[in-house]
Each structure stands twice: as C-alpha cells, then as structure tokens.
C-alpha cells in the first residue's frame, strides 16, 4: 500500500506508525501474558471494537471512486472479529 501511495502522509511517515503499532502490540501481548488481570483484555476488547464502524463503512458503503477494494475491508472485519472473540475469552475466562 505504501508503494502505491495509498497511505496518507498527513499524520507523518508510515514507517513511524508501523513502529508505534509494533510497540502497542508488544505492550498488549506483554499485558495479556504477565498481568493476568481480566480488566486489561476487556479494555483492549473495547478499544479494538472501535475499529469495526470504519471497516464496515469501507466494506459496504464505499464511494464509487474508492482506491481500496471492499474485499480488503471484509478481510479486515473477519480478522477483527476473530481478535475480539479471542480477547473476550481472555477477559471473561481468566
């Protein structure tokens, strides 16, 4: 996506956001493995669920001149729902 110019640059370089995302992912994995607090995965579940409205908008209500195909968003919806399912198990089965 970066090579095709599909990533916005108004918030900074994409590489910076990839590094930030890796740091957040490492923090979440560390928190899930070490803290064993049921509220941590519940909060992550809630924040992660906030991604769904934007993905649904891109998958089903995209403009005719959209640069990304709706199948990309549908795949992302499947991945997010699987992540929410696993986080729900972590938050309520501890």
C-alpha atoms as a PDB file:
ATOM      1  CA  UNK A   1       0.000   0.000   0.000  1.00  0.00           C
ATOM      2  CA  UNK A   2       2.885   2.345   0.708  1.00  0.00           C
ATOM      3  CA  UNK A   3       4.443   1.745  -2.725  1.00  0.00           C
ATOM      4  CA  UNK A   4       1.156   2.538  -4.456  1.00  0.00           C
ATOM      5  CA  UNK A   5       0.656   5.732  -2.466  1.00  0.00           C
ATOM      6  CA  UNK A   6      -2.494   4.563  -0.658  1.00  0.00           C
ATOM      7  CA  UNK A   7      -1.324   5.533   2.823  1.00  0.00           C
ATOM      8  CA  UNK A   8      -1.994   9.101   3.928  1.00  0.00           C
ATOM      9  CA  UNK A   9       1.052  11.156   4.858  1.00  0.00           C
ATOM     10  CA  UNK A  10      -0.748  13.986   6.653  1.00  0.00           C
ATOM     11  CA  UNK A  11      -0.114  12.334  10.045  1.00  0.00           C
ATOM     12  CA  UNK A  12       3.564  11.623   9.472  1.00  0.00           C
ATOM     13  CA  UNK A  13       5.586   8.971   7.711  1.00  0.00           C
ATOM     14  CA  UNK A  14       4.044   5.476   7.523  1.00  0.00           C
ATOM     15  CA  UNK A  15       7.211   3.887   8.950  1.00  0.00           C
ATOM     16  CA  UNK A  16       6.714   5.815  12.186  1.00  0.00           C
ATOM     17  CA  UNK A  17       3.171   4.453  12.515  1.00  0.00           C
ATOM     18  CA  UNK A  18       4.405   0.912  11.888  1.00  0.00           C
ATOM     19  CA  UNK A  19       6.906   1.290  14.735  1.00  0.00           C
ATOM     20  CA  UNK A  20       4.215   2.712  17.041  1.00  0.00           C
ATOM     21  CA  UNK A  21       1.865  -0.148  16.134  1.00  0.00           C
ATOM     22  CA  UNK A  22       4.581  -2.698  16.908  1.00  0.00           C
ATOM     23  CA  UNK A  23       5.153  -1.066  20.300  1.00  0.00           C
ATOM     24  CA  UNK A  24       1.420  -1.114  21.097  1.00  0.00           C
ATOM     25  CA  UNK A  25       1.166  -4.765  20.016  1.00  0.00           C
ATOM     26  CA  UNK A  26       4.144  -5.679  22.215  1.00  0.00           C
ATOM     27  CA  UNK A  27       2.556  -3.846  25.168  1.00  0.00           C
ATOM     28  CA  UNK A  28      -0.766  -5.671  24.698  1.00  0.00           C
ATOM     29  CA  UNK A  29       0.914  -9.081  24.416  1.00  0.00           C
ATOM     30  CA  UNK A  30       3.026  -8.367  27.489  1.00  0.00           C
ATOM     31  CA  UNK A  31      -0.011  -7.187  29.410  1.00  0.00           C
ATOM     32  CA  UNK A  32      -2.054 -10.234  28.490  1.00  0.00           C
ATOM     33  CA  UNK A  33       0.703 -12.680  29.383  1.00  0.00           C
ATOM     34  CA  UNK A  34       2.119 -11.142  32.557  1.00  0.00           C
ATOM     35  CA  UNK A  35      -0.620  -9.235  34.354  1.00  0.00           C
ATOM     36  CA  UNK A  36      -3.432 -11.812  34.280  1.00  0.00           C
ATOM     37  CA  UNK A  37      -5.903  -9.063  35.127  1.00  0.00           C
ATOM     38  CA  UNK A  38      -9.315  -9.659  33.475  1.00  0.00           C
ATOM     39  CA  UNK A  39      -9.912  -5.928  33.038  1.00  0.00           C
ATOM     40  CA  UNK A  40      -6.939  -5.455  30.731  1.00  0.00           C
ATOM     41  CA  UNK A  41      -8.285  -7.652  27.889  1.00  0.00           C
ATOM     42  CA  UNK A  42     -11.737  -6.172  28.415  1.00  0.00           C
ATOM     43  CA  UNK A  43     -10.390  -2.661  27.852  1.00  0.00           C
ATOM     44  CA  UNK A  44      -8.372  -3.814  24.842  1.00  0.00           C
ATOM     45  CA  UNK A  45     -11.526  -5.521  23.515  1.00  0.00           C
ATOM     46  CA  UNK A  46     -13.497  -2.299  23.819  1.00  0.00           C
ATOM     47  CA  UNK A  47     -10.835  -0.177  22.110  1.00  0.00           C
ATOM     48  CA  UNK A  48     -10.318  -2.808  19.409  1.00  0.00           C
ATOM     49  CA  UNK A  49     -14.050  -2.918  18.731  1.00  0.00           C
ATOM     50  CA  UNK A  50     -13.975   0.757  17.791  1.00  0.00           C
ATOM     51  CA  UNK A  51     -12.344  -0.269  14.509  1.00  0.00           C
ATOM     52  CA  UNK A  52     -15.464  -2.016  13.225  1.00  0.00           C
ATOM     53  CA  UNK A  53     -17.538   1.028  12.147  1.00  0.00           C
ATOM     54  CA  UNK A  54     -14.788   2.323   9.850  1.00  0.00           C
ATOM     55  CA  UNK A  55     -14.251  -1.137   8.364  1.00  0.00           C
ATOM     56  CA  UNK A  56     -17.977  -1.646   7.785  1.00  0.00           C
ATOM     57  CA  UNK A  57     -18.139   1.742   6.113  1.00  0.00           C
ATOM     58  CA  UNK A  58     -15.285   0.817   3.758  1.00  0.00           C
ATOM     59  CA  UNK A  59     -16.693  -2.636   3.003  1.00  0.00           C
ATOM     60  CA  UNK A  60     -20.352  -1.865   2.408  1.00  0.00           C
ATOM     61  CA  UNK A  61     -20.724   1.890   1.909  1.00  0.00           C
ATOM     62  CA  UNK A  62     -17.588   2.763  -0.059  1.00  0.00           C
ATOM     63  CA  UNK A  63     -17.688   5.515  -2.632  1.00  0.00           C
ATOM     64  CA  UNK A  64     -17.560   4.619  -6.311  1.00  0.00           C
ATOM     65  CA  UNK A  65     -14.078   6.136  -6.652  1.00  0.00           C
ATOM     66  CA  UNK A  66     -12.603   4.246  -3.667  1.00  0.00           C
ATOM     67  CA  UNK A  67      -8.936   3.330  -4.084  1.00  0.00           C
ATOM     68  CA  UNK A  68      -9.107   0.189  -1.936  1.00  0.00           C
ATOM     69  CA  UNK A  69     -11.363  -2.717  -2.898  1.00  0.00           C
ATOM     70  CA  UNK A  70     -14.149  -3.714  -0.465  1.00  0.00           C
ATOM     71  CA  UNK A  71     -12.665  -7.217  -0.131  1.00  0.00           C
ATOM     72  CA  UNK A  72      -9.754  -5.664   1.793  1.00  0.00           C
ATOM     73  CA  UNK A  73     -12.185  -4.286   4.366  1.00  0.00           C
ATOM     74  CA  UNK A  74     -14.162  -7.538   4.514  1.00  0.00           C
ATOM     75  CA  UNK A  75     -10.987  -9.454   5.287  1.00  0.00           C
ATOM     76  CA  UNK A  76     -10.123  -6.911   7.982  1.00  0.00           C
ATOM     77  CA  UNK A  77     -13.602  -7.329   9.504  1.00  0.00           C
ATOM     78  CA  UNK A  78     -13.061 -11.090   9.738  1.00  0.00           C
ATOM     79  CA  UNK A  79      -9.667 -10.581  11.402  1.00  0.00           C
ATOM     80  CA  UNK A  80     -11.047  -8.043  13.878  1.00  0.00           C
ATOM     81  CA  UNK A  81     -13.991 -10.273  14.819  1.00  0.00           C
ATOM     82  CA  UNK A  82     -11.636 -13.219  15.419  1.00  0.00           C
ATOM     83  CA  UNK A  83      -9.437 -10.967  17.590  1.00  0.00           C
ATOM     84  CA  UNK A  84     -12.483  -9.764  19.531  1.00  0.00           C
ATOM     85  CA  UNK A  85     -13.571 -13.371  20.093  1.00  0.00           C
ATOM     86  CA  UNK A  86     -10.156 -14.322  21.482  1.00  0.00           C
ATOM     87  CA  UNK A  87      -9.935 -11.197  23.645  1.00  0.00           C
ATOM     88  CA  UNK A  88     -13.402 -11.938  25.030  1.00  0.00           C
ATOM     89  CA  UNK A  89     -12.236 -15.397  26.008  1.00  0.00           C
ATOM     90  CA  UNK A  90      -9.174 -13.882  27.688  1.00  0.00           C
ATOM     91  CA  UNK A  91     -11.224 -11.264  29.520  1.00  0.00           C
ATOM     92  CA  UNK A  92     -14.019 -13.442  30.801  1.00  0.00           C
ATOM     93  CA  UNK A  93     -12.394 -16.876  31.183  1.00  0.00           C
ATOM     94  CA  UNK A  94      -9.457 -15.967  33.430  1.00  0.00           C
END
